[in-house]
N, C-alpha and C. Protein backbone atom coordinates (compact mmCIF):
# COMPACT_ATOMS: atom_id res chain seq x y z
N UNK A 1 -43.22 230.27 105.23
CA UNK A 1 -43.13 230.84 103.91
C UNK A 1 -41.74 230.56 103.34
N UNK A 2 -41.68 230.03 102.16
CA UNK A 2 -40.41 229.71 101.52
C UNK A 2 -40.31 230.53 100.24
N UNK A 3 -39.23 231.28 100.13
CA UNK A 3 -38.91 231.99 98.90
C UNK A 3 -37.70 231.30 98.30
N UNK A 4 -37.66 231.20 96.99
CA UNK A 4 -36.54 230.51 96.34
C UNK A 4 -36.11 231.31 95.14
N UNK A 5 -34.79 231.42 94.97
CA UNK A 5 -34.22 232.15 93.85
C UNK A 5 -33.01 231.39 93.35
N UNK A 6 -32.94 231.18 92.07
CA UNK A 6 -31.74 230.61 91.48
C UNK A 6 -31.03 231.74 90.75
N UNK A 7 -29.79 231.98 91.15
CA UNK A 7 -29.01 233.09 90.61
C UNK A 7 -28.12 232.56 89.50
N UNK A 8 -28.13 233.20 88.35
CA UNK A 8 -27.31 232.76 87.24
C UNK A 8 -26.74 233.96 86.50
N UNK A 9 -25.43 233.99 86.39
CA UNK A 9 -24.77 235.03 85.61
C UNK A 9 -24.24 234.46 84.30
N UNK A 10 -24.31 233.14 84.20
CA UNK A 10 -23.90 232.44 83.00
C UNK A 10 -25.06 231.54 82.61
N UNK A 11 -24.79 230.57 81.79
CA UNK A 11 -25.86 229.64 81.40
C UNK A 11 -26.25 228.72 82.54
N UNK A 12 -25.32 228.44 83.45
CA UNK A 12 -25.62 227.55 84.57
C UNK A 12 -25.76 228.37 85.84
N UNK A 13 -26.58 227.93 86.77
CA UNK A 13 -26.77 228.68 88.03
C UNK A 13 -25.49 228.75 88.86
N UNK A 14 -25.30 229.85 89.60
CA UNK A 14 -24.16 229.98 90.50
C UNK A 14 -24.58 229.77 91.95
N UNK A 15 -25.87 229.75 92.22
CA UNK A 15 -26.35 229.48 93.57
C UNK A 15 -27.85 229.21 93.55
N UNK A 16 -28.27 228.40 94.49
CA UNK A 16 -29.69 228.17 94.73
C UNK A 16 -29.95 228.75 96.12
N UNK A 17 -30.68 229.86 96.19
CA UNK A 17 -30.90 230.58 97.44
C UNK A 17 -32.35 230.42 97.86
N UNK A 18 -32.56 230.05 99.13
CA UNK A 18 -33.89 229.91 99.68
C UNK A 18 -33.98 230.69 100.98
N UNK A 19 -35.15 231.27 101.26
CA UNK A 19 -35.40 231.93 102.53
C UNK A 19 -36.64 231.25 103.14
N UNK A 20 -36.46 230.69 104.31
CA UNK A 20 -37.53 229.96 104.98
C UNK A 20 -37.60 230.44 106.42
N UNK A 21 -38.65 231.19 106.76
CA UNK A 21 -38.84 231.73 108.11
C UNK A 21 -37.62 232.48 108.62
N UNK A 22 -37.05 233.32 107.78
CA UNK A 22 -35.92 234.14 108.19
C UNK A 22 -34.57 233.46 108.13
N UNK A 23 -34.54 232.23 107.67
CA UNK A 23 -33.27 231.49 107.54
C UNK A 23 -32.90 231.45 106.07
N UNK A 24 -31.72 231.95 105.74
CA UNK A 24 -31.22 231.96 104.37
C UNK A 24 -30.44 230.67 104.15
N UNK A 25 -30.79 229.94 103.10
CA UNK A 25 -30.07 228.72 102.74
C UNK A 25 -29.49 228.93 101.35
N UNK A 26 -28.18 228.80 101.25
CA UNK A 26 -27.50 228.96 99.98
C UNK A 26 -26.87 227.62 99.62
N UNK A 27 -27.35 227.02 98.55
CA UNK A 27 -26.86 225.72 98.12
C UNK A 27 -25.99 225.88 96.87
N UNK A 28 -24.92 225.18 96.83
CA UNK A 28 -24.05 225.15 95.65
C UNK A 28 -23.61 226.54 95.23
N UNK A 29 -23.17 227.33 96.18
CA UNK A 29 -22.72 228.69 95.88
C UNK A 29 -21.35 228.66 95.21
N UNK A 30 -21.21 229.41 94.15
CA UNK A 30 -19.93 229.56 93.47
C UNK A 30 -19.54 231.03 93.49
N UNK A 31 -18.35 231.32 94.01
CA UNK A 31 -17.83 232.69 94.03
C UNK A 31 -16.48 232.66 93.35
N UNK A 32 -16.37 233.34 92.22
CA UNK A 32 -15.10 233.38 91.50
C UNK A 32 -14.36 234.63 91.92
N UNK A 33 -13.52 234.50 92.94
CA UNK A 33 -12.75 235.61 93.48
C UNK A 33 -11.46 235.06 94.10
N UNK A 34 -10.38 235.01 93.32
CA UNK A 34 -9.13 234.43 93.82
C UNK A 34 -8.61 235.08 95.10
N UNK A 35 -8.79 236.39 95.25
CA UNK A 35 -8.32 237.07 96.46
C UNK A 35 -9.11 236.62 97.68
N UNK A 36 -10.44 236.52 97.54
CA UNK A 36 -11.27 236.05 98.65
C UNK A 36 -10.95 234.59 98.97
N UNK A 37 -10.72 233.78 97.95
CA UNK A 37 -10.38 232.38 98.17
C UNK A 37 -9.05 232.26 98.91
N UNK A 38 -8.10 233.12 98.60
CA UNK A 38 -6.80 233.10 99.28
C UNK A 38 -6.95 233.45 100.76
N UNK A 39 -7.82 234.41 101.05
CA UNK A 39 -8.07 234.79 102.45
C UNK A 39 -8.70 233.61 103.20
N UNK A 40 -9.70 233.00 102.61
CA UNK A 40 -10.38 231.88 103.24
C UNK A 40 -9.43 230.70 103.44
N UNK A 41 -8.55 230.48 102.48
CA UNK A 41 -7.61 229.36 102.54
C UNK A 41 -6.60 229.49 103.69
N UNK A 42 -6.45 230.68 104.25
CA UNK A 42 -5.54 230.88 105.38
C UNK A 42 -6.08 230.26 106.67
N UNK A 43 -7.35 229.89 106.68
CA UNK A 43 -7.98 229.31 107.87
C UNK A 43 -8.17 227.81 107.67
N UNK A 44 -8.30 227.07 108.77
CA UNK A 44 -8.56 225.63 108.63
C UNK A 44 -9.88 225.39 107.89
N UNK A 45 -9.90 224.38 107.05
CA UNK A 45 -11.09 224.09 106.24
C UNK A 45 -12.32 223.86 107.11
N UNK A 46 -12.14 223.36 108.30
CA UNK A 46 -13.27 223.11 109.20
C UNK A 46 -14.01 224.40 109.56
N UNK A 47 -13.35 225.56 109.40
CA UNK A 47 -13.98 226.85 109.75
C UNK A 47 -14.54 227.59 108.53
N UNK A 48 -14.34 227.07 107.34
CA UNK A 48 -14.77 227.78 106.13
C UNK A 48 -16.26 228.09 106.11
N UNK A 49 -17.09 227.16 106.50
CA UNK A 49 -18.55 227.41 106.48
C UNK A 49 -18.91 228.52 107.45
N UNK A 50 -18.33 228.49 108.65
CA UNK A 50 -18.60 229.54 109.66
C UNK A 50 -18.14 230.91 109.16
N UNK A 51 -16.96 230.97 108.59
CA UNK A 51 -16.41 232.24 108.09
C UNK A 51 -17.25 232.77 106.94
N UNK A 52 -17.65 231.88 106.04
CA UNK A 52 -18.48 232.29 104.90
C UNK A 52 -19.84 232.78 105.37
N UNK A 53 -20.42 232.12 106.36
CA UNK A 53 -21.71 232.55 106.92
C UNK A 53 -21.59 233.96 107.49
N UNK A 54 -20.53 234.21 108.24
CA UNK A 54 -20.33 235.53 108.82
C UNK A 54 -20.12 236.58 107.73
N UNK A 55 -19.39 236.23 106.69
CA UNK A 55 -19.14 237.17 105.59
C UNK A 55 -20.44 237.54 104.88
N UNK A 56 -21.31 236.56 104.68
CA UNK A 56 -22.61 236.83 104.04
C UNK A 56 -23.44 237.75 104.93
N UNK A 57 -23.48 237.49 106.23
CA UNK A 57 -24.25 238.34 107.15
C UNK A 57 -23.72 239.77 107.15
N UNK A 58 -22.40 239.92 107.17
CA UNK A 58 -21.79 241.26 107.14
C UNK A 58 -22.12 241.95 105.82
N UNK A 59 -21.99 241.23 104.72
CA UNK A 59 -22.27 241.80 103.40
C UNK A 59 -23.72 242.23 103.26
N UNK A 60 -24.65 241.41 103.72
CA UNK A 60 -26.06 241.78 103.64
C UNK A 60 -26.38 242.96 104.56
N UNK A 61 -25.73 243.01 105.72
CA UNK A 61 -25.89 244.15 106.61
C UNK A 61 -25.40 245.43 105.96
N UNK A 62 -24.30 245.33 105.25
CA UNK A 62 -23.75 246.49 104.52
C UNK A 62 -24.73 246.96 103.45
N UNK A 63 -25.32 246.02 102.72
CA UNK A 63 -26.30 246.39 101.69
C UNK A 63 -27.52 247.05 102.29
N UNK A 64 -27.84 246.69 103.52
CA UNK A 64 -29.02 247.25 104.19
C UNK A 64 -28.76 248.68 104.67
N UNK A 65 -27.52 249.08 104.68
CA UNK A 65 -27.21 250.45 105.10
C UNK A 65 -26.18 250.52 106.21
N UNK A 66 -25.37 249.51 106.33
CA UNK A 66 -24.30 249.57 107.30
C UNK A 66 -24.67 249.12 108.69
N UNK A 67 -25.87 248.56 108.87
CA UNK A 67 -26.26 248.09 110.18
C UNK A 67 -25.42 246.89 110.57
N UNK A 68 -25.23 246.72 111.87
CA UNK A 68 -24.48 245.56 112.36
C UNK A 68 -25.31 244.31 112.09
N UNK A 69 -24.64 243.22 111.64
CA UNK A 69 -25.39 241.98 111.35
C UNK A 69 -25.89 241.33 112.62
């Protein structure tokens, strides 16, 4: 089962989000947050995808009610 959502807060989409068998795929995600970007920039670029993935899991866990991701 594939669910797909295009998120747009402006005229152009900020992310293309898909859920396929429990796997969340986020394509072309744009996050306008200079403070968050500064935190991410403190790490090697090779780790940015891993750190962002963990941040999304933690954030979604928080939205679910504080459960551990």
